[in-house]
N, C-alpha and C. Protein backbone atom coordinates (compact mmCIF):
# COMPACT_ATOMS: atom_id res chain seq x y z
N MET A 1 -33.16 33.14 -117.42
CA MET A 1 -33.50 33.07 -116.03
C MET A 1 -34.35 34.29 -115.68
N ALA A 2 -35.33 34.12 -114.82
CA ALA A 2 -36.24 35.19 -114.45
C ALA A 2 -35.53 36.23 -113.59
N ASP A 3 -36.13 37.43 -113.50
CA ASP A 3 -35.62 38.49 -112.65
C ASP A 3 -35.91 38.11 -111.20
N HIS A 4 -34.87 38.04 -110.37
CA HIS A 4 -35.03 37.63 -108.98
C HIS A 4 -34.82 38.80 -108.02
N ALA A 5 -35.05 40.02 -108.47
CA ALA A 5 -34.79 41.18 -107.62
C ALA A 5 -35.70 41.19 -106.40
N VAL A 6 -36.94 40.72 -106.52
CA VAL A 6 -37.85 40.71 -105.40
C VAL A 6 -38.41 39.29 -105.25
N VAL A 7 -38.21 38.71 -104.08
CA VAL A 7 -38.77 37.40 -103.78
C VAL A 7 -39.49 37.54 -102.45
N LEU A 8 -40.79 37.30 -102.47
CA LEU A 8 -41.58 37.45 -101.25
C LEU A 8 -41.24 36.34 -100.27
N PRO A 9 -41.35 36.62 -98.94
CA PRO A 9 -40.98 35.62 -97.95
C PRO A 9 -41.76 34.31 -98.06
N ASP A 10 -42.98 34.35 -98.59
CA ASP A 10 -43.76 33.12 -98.68
C ASP A 10 -43.64 32.46 -100.06
N SER A 11 -42.72 32.95 -100.87
CA SER A 11 -42.49 32.37 -102.18
C SER A 11 -41.96 30.95 -102.05
N GLU A 12 -42.24 30.14 -103.05
CA GLU A 12 -41.72 28.77 -103.08
C GLU A 12 -40.24 28.75 -103.47
N MET A 13 -39.69 29.89 -103.91
CA MET A 13 -38.36 29.93 -104.47
C MET A 13 -37.50 30.97 -103.76
N VAL A 14 -36.20 30.65 -103.61
CA VAL A 14 -35.22 31.60 -103.10
C VAL A 14 -34.03 31.60 -104.05
N THR A 15 -33.38 32.74 -104.15
CA THR A 15 -32.24 32.86 -105.05
C THR A 15 -31.06 33.50 -104.35
N SER A 16 -29.88 33.14 -104.80
CA SER A 16 -28.62 33.76 -104.39
C SER A 16 -27.86 34.08 -105.66
N PRO A 17 -28.24 35.19 -106.32
CA PRO A 17 -27.61 35.50 -107.61
C PRO A 17 -26.08 35.54 -107.59
N PRO A 18 -25.44 36.07 -106.54
CA PRO A 18 -23.96 36.08 -106.59
C PRO A 18 -23.34 34.69 -106.67
N SER A 19 -23.99 33.69 -106.07
CA SER A 19 -23.44 32.33 -106.12
C SER A 19 -24.07 31.50 -107.23
N GLY A 20 -25.04 32.07 -107.96
CA GLY A 20 -25.65 31.37 -109.09
C GLY A 20 -26.64 30.28 -108.71
N LYS A 21 -27.21 30.34 -107.49
CA LYS A 21 -28.10 29.29 -107.01
C LYS A 21 -29.55 29.77 -106.92
N THR A 22 -30.46 28.88 -107.27
CA THR A 22 -31.89 29.07 -107.06
C THR A 22 -32.44 27.78 -106.49
N VAL A 23 -33.28 27.92 -105.47
CA VAL A 23 -33.90 26.75 -104.85
C VAL A 23 -35.40 26.94 -104.84
N ARG A 24 -36.11 25.90 -105.29
CA ARG A 24 -37.58 25.87 -105.20
C ARG A 24 -37.93 24.74 -104.24
N PHE A 25 -38.65 25.09 -103.18
CA PHE A 25 -39.03 24.11 -102.17
C PHE A 25 -40.20 23.28 -102.69
N LEU A 26 -40.05 21.97 -102.65
CA LEU A 26 -41.05 21.06 -103.18
C LEU A 26 -41.93 20.48 -102.08
N GLU A 27 -41.32 19.96 -101.04
CA GLU A 27 -42.06 19.33 -99.95
C GLU A 27 -41.45 19.79 -98.63
N ARG A 28 -42.29 20.43 -97.83
CA ARG A 28 -41.84 20.90 -96.52
C ARG A 28 -42.23 19.87 -95.46
N PRO A 29 -41.41 19.74 -94.43
CA PRO A 29 -41.71 18.75 -93.41
C PRO A 29 -42.88 19.16 -92.52
N ASP A 30 -43.79 18.21 -92.25
CA ASP A 30 -44.82 18.46 -91.24
C ASP A 30 -44.17 18.50 -89.86
N ASP A 31 -43.25 17.58 -89.64
CA ASP A 31 -42.48 17.55 -88.40
C ASP A 31 -41.01 17.71 -88.78
N PRO A 32 -40.44 18.92 -88.63
CA PRO A 32 -39.06 19.16 -89.06
C PRO A 32 -38.02 18.28 -88.37
N ASP A 33 -38.36 17.72 -87.21
CA ASP A 33 -37.41 16.86 -86.50
C ASP A 33 -37.36 15.44 -87.05
N SER A 34 -38.34 15.09 -87.92
CA SER A 34 -38.32 13.73 -88.46
C SER A 34 -38.59 13.66 -89.96
N ASP A 35 -39.33 14.60 -90.52
CA ASP A 35 -39.69 14.56 -91.94
C ASP A 35 -38.66 15.28 -92.80
N PRO A 36 -38.51 14.87 -94.07
CA PRO A 36 -37.54 15.51 -94.96
C PRO A 36 -38.04 16.84 -95.54
N LEU A 37 -37.10 17.62 -96.00
CA LEU A 37 -37.35 18.80 -96.82
C LEU A 37 -36.81 18.44 -98.19
N THR A 38 -37.65 18.58 -99.24
CA THR A 38 -37.17 18.32 -100.59
C THR A 38 -37.22 19.61 -101.40
N PHE A 39 -36.33 19.69 -102.37
CA PHE A 39 -36.20 20.91 -103.16
C PHE A 39 -35.68 20.59 -104.54
N GLU A 40 -35.83 21.58 -105.42
CA GLU A 40 -35.18 21.57 -106.72
C GLU A 40 -34.19 22.72 -106.70
N MET A 41 -32.95 22.45 -107.06
CA MET A 41 -31.91 23.48 -107.08
C MET A 41 -31.37 23.62 -108.48
N THR A 42 -31.19 24.85 -108.91
CA THR A 42 -30.47 25.10 -110.15
C THR A 42 -29.20 25.85 -109.80
N LEU A 43 -28.16 25.53 -110.53
CA LEU A 43 -26.86 26.15 -110.32
C LEU A 43 -26.33 26.56 -111.68
N ALA A 44 -26.07 27.86 -111.84
CA ALA A 44 -25.59 28.41 -113.10
C ALA A 44 -24.24 27.80 -113.48
N PRO A 45 -23.90 27.83 -114.78
CA PRO A 45 -22.62 27.27 -115.22
C PRO A 45 -21.43 27.89 -114.48
N ASP A 46 -21.49 29.17 -114.20
CA ASP A 46 -20.39 29.82 -113.48
C ASP A 46 -20.71 29.97 -112.00
N GLY A 47 -21.76 29.30 -111.52
CA GLY A 47 -22.13 29.37 -110.11
C GLY A 47 -21.23 28.53 -109.25
N HIS A 48 -21.36 28.70 -107.97
CA HIS A 48 -20.50 28.03 -107.01
C HIS A 48 -21.38 27.26 -106.03
N GLY A 49 -21.16 25.98 -105.93
CA GLY A 49 -21.87 25.18 -104.93
C GLY A 49 -21.32 25.45 -103.55
N PRO A 50 -21.83 24.75 -102.55
CA PRO A 50 -21.36 24.99 -101.19
C PRO A 50 -19.91 24.53 -101.00
N MET A 51 -19.24 25.15 -100.02
CA MET A 51 -17.90 24.70 -99.67
C MET A 51 -17.98 23.36 -98.95
N ARG A 52 -16.86 22.71 -98.74
CA ARG A 52 -16.85 21.42 -98.04
C ARG A 52 -17.46 21.59 -96.66
N HIS A 53 -18.47 20.77 -96.39
CA HIS A 53 -19.20 20.91 -95.14
C HIS A 53 -19.74 19.57 -94.67
N VAL A 54 -20.30 19.60 -93.46
CA VAL A 54 -20.88 18.42 -92.83
C VAL A 54 -22.23 18.82 -92.26
N HIS A 55 -23.23 17.99 -92.47
CA HIS A 55 -24.52 18.14 -91.78
C HIS A 55 -24.49 17.15 -90.61
N PRO A 56 -24.39 17.64 -89.38
CA PRO A 56 -24.22 16.72 -88.26
C PRO A 56 -25.43 15.81 -88.00
N GLU A 57 -26.63 16.26 -88.36
CA GLU A 57 -27.83 15.51 -88.02
C GLU A 57 -28.69 15.13 -89.22
N GLN A 58 -28.23 15.42 -90.44
CA GLN A 58 -29.08 15.23 -91.61
C GLN A 58 -28.39 14.41 -92.70
N ASP A 59 -29.14 13.49 -93.29
CA ASP A 59 -28.72 12.84 -94.52
C ASP A 59 -29.12 13.78 -95.66
N GLU A 60 -28.33 13.82 -96.72
CA GLU A 60 -28.64 14.65 -97.88
C GLU A 60 -28.59 13.78 -99.12
N TRP A 61 -29.47 14.05 -100.07
CA TRP A 61 -29.42 13.35 -101.35
C TRP A 61 -29.61 14.35 -102.46
N LEU A 62 -28.96 14.06 -103.58
CA LEU A 62 -29.02 14.91 -104.77
C LEU A 62 -29.16 14.00 -105.98
N GLU A 63 -30.14 14.30 -106.82
CA GLU A 63 -30.34 13.54 -108.06
C GLU A 63 -30.30 14.52 -109.22
N VAL A 64 -29.47 14.23 -110.20
CA VAL A 64 -29.30 15.13 -111.35
C VAL A 64 -30.51 15.00 -112.26
N GLN A 65 -31.13 16.14 -112.55
CA GLN A 65 -32.24 16.21 -113.51
C GLN A 65 -31.74 16.66 -114.88
N GLU A 66 -30.81 17.61 -114.86
CA GLU A 66 -30.27 18.18 -116.10
C GLU A 66 -28.88 18.72 -115.80
N GLY A 67 -27.94 18.51 -116.71
CA GLY A 67 -26.58 19.00 -116.51
C GLY A 67 -25.66 17.94 -115.94
N ARG A 68 -24.59 18.41 -115.35
CA ARG A 68 -23.56 17.51 -114.82
C ARG A 68 -23.18 17.97 -113.42
N LEU A 69 -23.26 17.07 -112.45
CA LEU A 69 -22.97 17.36 -111.05
C LEU A 69 -21.60 16.84 -110.68
N GLY A 70 -20.75 17.72 -110.16
CA GLY A 70 -19.50 17.30 -109.55
C GLY A 70 -19.76 17.16 -108.06
N VAL A 71 -19.28 16.09 -107.47
CA VAL A 71 -19.50 15.87 -106.04
C VAL A 71 -18.23 15.30 -105.41
N TRP A 72 -17.90 15.82 -104.26
CA TRP A 72 -16.77 15.34 -103.46
C TRP A 72 -17.36 14.82 -102.16
N VAL A 73 -17.12 13.56 -101.85
CA VAL A 73 -17.63 12.95 -100.62
C VAL A 73 -16.47 12.22 -99.96
N GLU A 74 -16.08 12.69 -98.77
CA GLU A 74 -14.99 12.07 -97.99
C GLU A 74 -13.75 11.76 -98.83
N GLY A 75 -13.32 12.75 -99.62
CA GLY A 75 -12.08 12.60 -100.38
C GLY A 75 -12.23 11.97 -101.75
N ARG A 76 -13.41 11.49 -102.10
CA ARG A 76 -13.64 10.88 -103.42
C ARG A 76 -14.44 11.84 -104.29
N THR A 77 -13.96 12.08 -105.50
CA THR A 77 -14.63 12.98 -106.43
C THR A 77 -15.22 12.18 -107.58
N GLU A 78 -16.45 12.53 -107.96
CA GLU A 78 -17.06 11.92 -109.15
C GLU A 78 -17.98 12.91 -109.81
N GLU A 79 -18.36 12.61 -111.04
CA GLU A 79 -19.31 13.42 -111.78
C GLU A 79 -20.52 12.56 -112.12
N LEU A 80 -21.70 13.15 -111.92
CA LEU A 80 -22.95 12.43 -112.16
C LEU A 80 -23.72 13.10 -113.29
N GLU A 81 -24.46 12.27 -114.03
CA GLU A 81 -25.27 12.74 -115.15
C GLU A 81 -26.75 12.58 -114.83
N PRO A 82 -27.64 13.10 -115.69
CA PRO A 82 -29.07 12.99 -115.42
C PRO A 82 -29.49 11.55 -115.09
N GLY A 83 -30.31 11.45 -114.04
CA GLY A 83 -30.79 10.16 -113.56
C GLY A 83 -29.92 9.55 -112.48
N GLU A 84 -28.71 10.05 -112.31
CA GLU A 84 -27.82 9.52 -111.28
C GLU A 84 -28.01 10.29 -109.98
N ARG A 85 -27.74 9.58 -108.87
CA ARG A 85 -28.03 10.14 -107.55
C ARG A 85 -26.90 9.82 -106.58
N VAL A 86 -26.70 10.73 -105.63
CA VAL A 86 -25.75 10.50 -104.55
C VAL A 86 -26.48 10.73 -103.23
N THR A 87 -26.18 9.88 -102.25
CA THR A 87 -26.71 10.03 -100.90
C THR A 87 -25.54 10.23 -99.95
N ILE A 88 -25.62 11.26 -99.13
CA ILE A 88 -24.55 11.60 -98.20
C ILE A 88 -25.09 11.45 -96.78
N PRO A 89 -24.60 10.45 -96.04
CA PRO A 89 -25.08 10.24 -94.67
C PRO A 89 -24.68 11.40 -93.75
N ALA A 90 -25.48 11.63 -92.71
CA ALA A 90 -25.17 12.64 -91.70
C ALA A 90 -23.75 12.45 -91.20
N GLY A 91 -23.05 13.57 -90.99
CA GLY A 91 -21.69 13.53 -90.46
C GLY A 91 -20.61 13.30 -91.50
N THR A 92 -20.99 13.21 -92.78
CA THR A 92 -20.02 12.92 -93.85
C THR A 92 -19.60 14.22 -94.55
N PRO A 93 -18.30 14.52 -94.58
CA PRO A 93 -17.83 15.70 -95.30
C PRO A 93 -18.14 15.58 -96.79
N HIS A 94 -18.65 16.68 -97.37
CA HIS A 94 -19.00 16.66 -98.79
C HIS A 94 -19.06 18.06 -99.36
N ARG A 95 -19.13 18.11 -100.69
CA ARG A 95 -19.27 19.36 -101.44
C ARG A 95 -19.81 18.98 -102.81
N PHE A 96 -20.53 19.91 -103.45
CA PHE A 96 -20.97 19.67 -104.82
C PHE A 96 -20.92 20.96 -105.62
N TRP A 97 -20.91 20.82 -106.96
CA TRP A 97 -20.78 21.98 -107.85
C TRP A 97 -21.30 21.61 -109.23
N ASN A 98 -21.46 22.63 -110.07
CA ASN A 98 -21.84 22.43 -111.46
C ASN A 98 -20.58 22.05 -112.23
N ALA A 99 -20.53 20.82 -112.73
CA ALA A 99 -19.36 20.33 -113.45
C ALA A 99 -19.53 20.40 -114.96
N GLY A 100 -20.64 20.99 -115.41
CA GLY A 100 -20.90 21.07 -116.84
C GLY A 100 -20.81 22.48 -117.37
N ARG A 101 -21.15 22.61 -118.65
CA ARG A 101 -21.11 23.93 -119.30
C ARG A 101 -22.45 24.64 -119.27
N GLY A 102 -23.53 23.89 -119.04
CA GLY A 102 -24.86 24.49 -118.97
C GLY A 102 -25.35 24.53 -117.54
N GLU A 103 -26.59 24.93 -117.38
CA GLU A 103 -27.19 25.00 -116.06
C GLU A 103 -27.35 23.59 -115.48
N LEU A 104 -27.13 23.46 -114.20
CA LEU A 104 -27.31 22.20 -113.48
C LEU A 104 -28.64 22.28 -112.73
N ARG A 105 -29.48 21.25 -112.89
CA ARG A 105 -30.75 21.20 -112.16
C ARG A 105 -30.78 19.89 -111.38
N LEU A 106 -31.00 20.02 -110.07
CA LEU A 106 -31.01 18.88 -109.16
C LEU A 106 -32.34 18.77 -108.46
N HIS A 107 -32.72 17.56 -108.12
CA HIS A 107 -33.79 17.30 -107.16
C HIS A 107 -33.06 16.77 -105.95
N GLY A 108 -33.32 17.31 -104.78
CA GLY A 108 -32.59 16.88 -103.61
C GLY A 108 -33.39 17.08 -102.34
N GLY A 109 -32.72 16.80 -101.24
CA GLY A 109 -33.36 16.97 -99.96
C GLY A 109 -32.46 16.64 -98.81
N VAL A 110 -32.95 16.97 -97.63
CA VAL A 110 -32.27 16.64 -96.38
C VAL A 110 -33.30 16.02 -95.44
N ALA A 111 -32.83 15.04 -94.66
CA ALA A 111 -33.71 14.37 -93.71
C ALA A 111 -32.95 14.15 -92.40
N PRO A 112 -33.50 14.63 -91.31
CA PRO A 112 -34.73 15.40 -91.23
C PRO A 112 -34.54 16.82 -91.77
N GLY A 113 -35.65 17.50 -92.05
CA GLY A 113 -35.59 18.83 -92.63
C GLY A 113 -35.05 19.90 -91.69
N LEU A 114 -35.27 19.71 -90.39
CA LEU A 114 -34.88 20.67 -89.36
C LEU A 114 -35.28 22.09 -89.81
N ARG A 115 -34.36 23.06 -89.71
CA ARG A 115 -34.66 24.45 -90.09
C ARG A 115 -33.88 24.85 -91.34
N THR A 116 -33.65 23.88 -92.22
CA THR A 116 -32.87 24.13 -93.43
C THR A 116 -33.53 25.19 -94.30
N GLU A 117 -34.84 25.12 -94.46
CA GLU A 117 -35.50 26.12 -95.30
C GLU A 117 -35.28 27.53 -94.76
N GLN A 118 -35.45 27.72 -93.45
CA GLN A 118 -35.27 29.04 -92.86
C GLN A 118 -33.83 29.53 -93.04
N PHE A 119 -32.86 28.63 -92.82
CA PHE A 119 -31.45 28.99 -92.97
C PHE A 119 -31.17 29.40 -94.42
N MET A 120 -31.70 28.66 -95.37
CA MET A 120 -31.50 29.00 -96.78
C MET A 120 -32.17 30.33 -97.11
N ARG A 121 -33.37 30.55 -96.62
CA ARG A 121 -34.06 31.81 -96.89
C ARG A 121 -33.26 33.00 -96.39
N VAL A 122 -32.69 32.89 -95.19
CA VAL A 122 -31.93 34.00 -94.63
C VAL A 122 -30.63 34.21 -95.39
N THR A 123 -29.83 33.14 -95.59
CA THR A 123 -28.54 33.33 -96.25
C THR A 123 -28.70 33.74 -97.71
N TYR A 124 -29.66 33.15 -98.42
CA TYR A 124 -29.91 33.55 -99.81
C TYR A 124 -30.45 34.98 -99.87
N GLY A 125 -31.31 35.33 -98.92
CA GLY A 125 -31.86 36.69 -98.88
C GLY A 125 -30.78 37.73 -98.66
N LEU A 126 -29.88 37.47 -97.73
CA LEU A 126 -28.77 38.40 -97.49
C LEU A 126 -27.92 38.57 -98.74
N ALA A 127 -27.61 37.44 -99.40
CA ALA A 127 -26.81 37.50 -100.62
C ALA A 127 -27.54 38.27 -101.72
N ARG A 128 -28.81 37.98 -101.89
CA ARG A 128 -29.60 38.62 -102.94
C ARG A 128 -29.68 40.14 -102.71
N ASP A 129 -29.71 40.54 -101.42
CA ASP A 129 -29.85 41.96 -101.11
C ASP A 129 -28.53 42.70 -100.98
N GLY A 130 -27.43 42.03 -101.35
CA GLY A 130 -26.16 42.74 -101.45
C GLY A 130 -25.20 42.57 -100.31
N ALA A 131 -25.49 41.76 -99.30
CA ALA A 131 -24.53 41.54 -98.23
C ALA A 131 -23.30 40.84 -98.81
N PRO A 132 -22.11 41.21 -98.38
CA PRO A 132 -20.91 40.52 -98.87
C PRO A 132 -20.97 39.04 -98.49
N ILE A 133 -20.67 38.18 -99.47
CA ILE A 133 -20.74 36.74 -99.25
C ILE A 133 -19.51 36.03 -99.79
N THR A 134 -19.33 34.79 -99.36
CA THR A 134 -18.30 33.93 -99.94
C THR A 134 -18.81 33.47 -101.31
N PRO A 135 -17.95 32.89 -102.14
CA PRO A 135 -18.43 32.38 -103.43
C PRO A 135 -19.58 31.38 -103.29
N SER A 136 -19.63 30.66 -102.17
CA SER A 136 -20.70 29.67 -101.98
C SER A 136 -21.97 30.28 -101.41
N GLY A 137 -21.95 31.57 -101.05
CA GLY A 137 -23.16 32.24 -100.62
C GLY A 137 -23.30 32.49 -99.14
N MET A 138 -22.30 32.22 -98.34
CA MET A 138 -22.38 32.47 -96.90
C MET A 138 -21.91 33.89 -96.60
N PRO A 139 -22.52 34.54 -95.58
CA PRO A 139 -22.09 35.90 -95.23
C PRO A 139 -20.60 35.95 -94.90
N LEU A 140 -19.93 36.96 -95.42
CA LEU A 140 -18.51 37.17 -95.14
C LEU A 140 -18.28 37.82 -93.79
N ASN A 141 -19.25 38.59 -93.32
CA ASN A 141 -19.10 39.26 -92.03
C ASN A 141 -19.14 38.20 -90.93
N VAL A 142 -18.02 38.00 -90.27
CA VAL A 142 -17.89 36.92 -89.30
C VAL A 142 -18.82 37.11 -88.10
N LEU A 143 -19.10 38.35 -87.70
CA LEU A 143 -20.01 38.58 -86.58
C LEU A 143 -21.45 38.25 -86.96
N ARG A 144 -21.86 38.67 -88.14
CA ARG A 144 -23.21 38.32 -88.63
C ARG A 144 -23.34 36.80 -88.77
N LEU A 145 -22.33 36.16 -89.33
CA LEU A 145 -22.36 34.72 -89.51
C LEU A 145 -22.40 33.99 -88.17
N ALA A 146 -21.65 34.46 -87.19
CA ALA A 146 -21.64 33.81 -85.87
C ALA A 146 -23.03 33.87 -85.22
N VAL A 147 -23.71 35.00 -85.36
CA VAL A 147 -25.07 35.10 -84.81
C VAL A 147 -25.99 34.11 -85.50
N LEU A 148 -25.91 34.03 -86.83
CA LEU A 148 -26.74 33.06 -87.56
C LEU A 148 -26.42 31.62 -87.15
N LEU A 149 -25.14 31.30 -87.09
CA LEU A 149 -24.76 29.93 -86.77
C LEU A 149 -25.07 29.56 -85.32
N SER A 150 -25.13 30.56 -84.44
CA SER A 150 -25.52 30.25 -83.05
C SER A 150 -26.97 29.80 -82.99
N THR A 151 -27.78 30.26 -83.91
CA THR A 151 -29.19 29.86 -83.97
C THR A 151 -29.36 28.58 -84.78
N TYR A 152 -28.65 28.47 -85.88
CA TYR A 152 -28.79 27.32 -86.78
C TYR A 152 -27.61 26.36 -86.60
N ASP A 153 -27.26 26.06 -85.36
CA ASP A 153 -26.07 25.27 -85.08
C ASP A 153 -26.22 23.79 -85.42
N ASP A 154 -27.42 23.36 -85.76
CA ASP A 154 -27.61 21.95 -86.14
C ASP A 154 -27.60 21.77 -87.66
N MET A 155 -27.37 22.83 -88.41
CA MET A 155 -27.45 22.77 -89.87
C MET A 155 -26.18 22.26 -90.52
N LEU A 156 -25.06 22.92 -90.26
CA LEU A 156 -23.85 22.54 -90.96
C LEU A 156 -22.62 23.10 -90.27
N TYR A 157 -21.49 22.45 -90.58
CA TYR A 157 -20.17 22.90 -90.16
C TYR A 157 -19.23 22.73 -91.33
N LEU A 158 -18.18 23.53 -91.35
CA LEU A 158 -17.14 23.35 -92.35
C LEU A 158 -16.43 22.03 -92.05
N SER A 159 -16.03 21.32 -93.08
CA SER A 159 -15.35 20.04 -92.83
C SER A 159 -13.86 20.23 -92.62
N ALA A 160 -13.31 21.42 -92.91
CA ALA A 160 -11.87 21.64 -92.80
C ALA A 160 -11.41 21.94 -91.37
N LEU A 161 -12.34 22.31 -90.49
CA LEU A 161 -11.98 22.66 -89.12
C LEU A 161 -12.72 21.77 -88.14
N PRO A 162 -12.10 21.45 -87.01
CA PRO A 162 -12.81 20.64 -86.02
C PRO A 162 -14.09 21.33 -85.56
N VAL A 163 -15.14 20.54 -85.39
CA VAL A 163 -16.44 21.08 -84.98
C VAL A 163 -16.33 21.80 -83.64
N TRP A 164 -15.56 21.24 -82.69
CA TRP A 164 -15.44 21.88 -81.38
C TRP A 164 -14.86 23.29 -81.51
N LEU A 165 -13.92 23.49 -82.45
CA LEU A 165 -13.31 24.80 -82.66
C LEU A 165 -14.34 25.77 -83.26
N GLN A 166 -15.14 25.30 -84.21
CA GLN A 166 -16.17 26.14 -84.81
C GLN A 166 -17.22 26.53 -83.78
N ARG A 167 -17.63 25.57 -82.95
CA ARG A 167 -18.61 25.88 -81.90
C ARG A 167 -18.06 26.90 -80.91
N ALA A 168 -16.79 26.74 -80.54
CA ALA A 168 -16.16 27.69 -79.60
C ALA A 168 -16.11 29.09 -80.21
N ALA A 169 -15.77 29.18 -81.49
CA ALA A 169 -15.71 30.48 -82.15
C ALA A 169 -17.09 31.13 -82.21
N VAL A 170 -18.11 30.34 -82.51
CA VAL A 170 -19.47 30.88 -82.55
C VAL A 170 -19.89 31.37 -81.17
N ARG A 171 -19.60 30.58 -80.13
CA ARG A 171 -19.96 31.00 -78.75
C ARG A 171 -19.26 32.29 -78.36
N LEU A 172 -18.04 32.47 -78.83
CA LEU A 172 -17.27 33.67 -78.52
C LEU A 172 -17.75 34.89 -79.32
N LEU A 173 -18.01 34.68 -80.61
CA LEU A 173 -18.30 35.81 -81.50
C LEU A 173 -19.77 36.21 -81.57
N ALA A 174 -20.69 35.29 -81.34
CA ALA A 174 -22.12 35.62 -81.45
C ALA A 174 -22.53 36.73 -80.50
N PRO A 175 -22.12 36.73 -79.22
CA PRO A 175 -22.49 37.85 -78.34
C PRO A 175 -21.95 39.19 -78.85
N LEU A 176 -20.76 39.18 -79.45
CA LEU A 176 -20.22 40.42 -80.02
C LEU A 176 -21.07 40.87 -81.21
N GLY A 177 -21.46 39.91 -82.04
CA GLY A 177 -22.32 40.24 -83.17
C GLY A 177 -23.64 40.84 -82.74
N ARG A 178 -24.25 40.25 -81.70
CA ARG A 178 -25.50 40.80 -81.18
C ARG A 178 -25.29 42.20 -80.60
N ALA A 179 -24.16 42.39 -79.93
CA ALA A 179 -23.86 43.69 -79.31
C ALA A 179 -23.73 44.81 -80.34
N VAL A 180 -23.26 44.48 -81.54
CA VAL A 180 -23.14 45.51 -82.59
C VAL A 180 -24.38 45.59 -83.48
N GLY A 181 -25.42 44.79 -83.14
CA GLY A 181 -26.70 44.95 -83.82
C GLY A 181 -27.12 43.85 -84.77
N TYR A 182 -26.35 42.78 -84.92
CA TYR A 182 -26.80 41.70 -85.79
C TYR A 182 -27.81 40.84 -85.06
N ASP A 183 -28.77 40.35 -85.82
CA ASP A 183 -29.87 39.58 -85.28
C ASP A 183 -29.98 38.29 -86.07
N ASP A 184 -30.69 37.32 -85.53
CA ASP A 184 -30.87 36.07 -86.25
C ASP A 184 -32.27 35.91 -86.81
N ARG A 185 -33.12 36.91 -86.60
CA ARG A 185 -34.53 36.75 -86.98
C ARG A 185 -34.80 37.04 -88.45
N TYR A 186 -34.33 38.09 -89.01
CA TYR A 186 -34.51 38.42 -90.43
C TYR A 186 -35.91 38.11 -90.92
N VAL A 187 -36.89 38.71 -90.27
CA VAL A 187 -38.29 38.43 -90.60
C VAL A 187 -38.64 38.78 -92.04
N GLU A 188 -37.87 39.67 -92.65
CA GLU A 188 -38.13 40.05 -94.04
C GLU A 188 -37.89 38.89 -95.02
N TYR A 189 -37.18 37.87 -94.60
CA TYR A 189 -36.89 36.73 -95.46
C TYR A 189 -37.73 35.49 -95.14
N LEU A 190 -38.41 35.50 -94.02
CA LEU A 190 -39.15 34.32 -93.58
C LEU A 190 -40.65 34.48 -93.74
N PRO A 191 -41.35 33.39 -94.06
CA PRO A 191 -42.81 33.47 -94.18
C PRO A 191 -43.42 33.88 -92.84
N PRO A 192 -44.55 34.58 -92.89
CA PRO A 192 -45.21 35.00 -91.64
C PRO A 192 -45.68 33.82 -90.82
């Protein structure tokens, strides 16, 4: 794997070395409210995919190019091999991970694309630059995370907690996060 110590904001690729993920953006939406974002993701053998979550407004699809994909969708677990694909409708709880011994390479996407690329650039950038993160790559600092989620509130929610509770927590904690200096812009991670 290449050295990912420096990734320019306009790079086609973002990495989160602590979680073992690399994403290369393939097709960006002309209209983020209607067009898809497609990407290629690699996940290291000891990497960690995202925790159980829901995309409230986006369908997601993942197609295995190389390796073995473990996927949990609404309580059902399966493993997919190269050439196999899973589609997860908006609002459906899901999670995925590397279920094999080698690197997992996926072709995937979300529709509509919304601000998924920006959210990934910020969270992967924070992880890459040493911010404490969960195994799946999300910031551990609850105030920093609340500020981010207050901006990217259409991206995802944890599937283990009611959405109304998560929204209430973000509304409560985001002003505190801003008061102590956390911001949602992170221009160092975003293209100009």
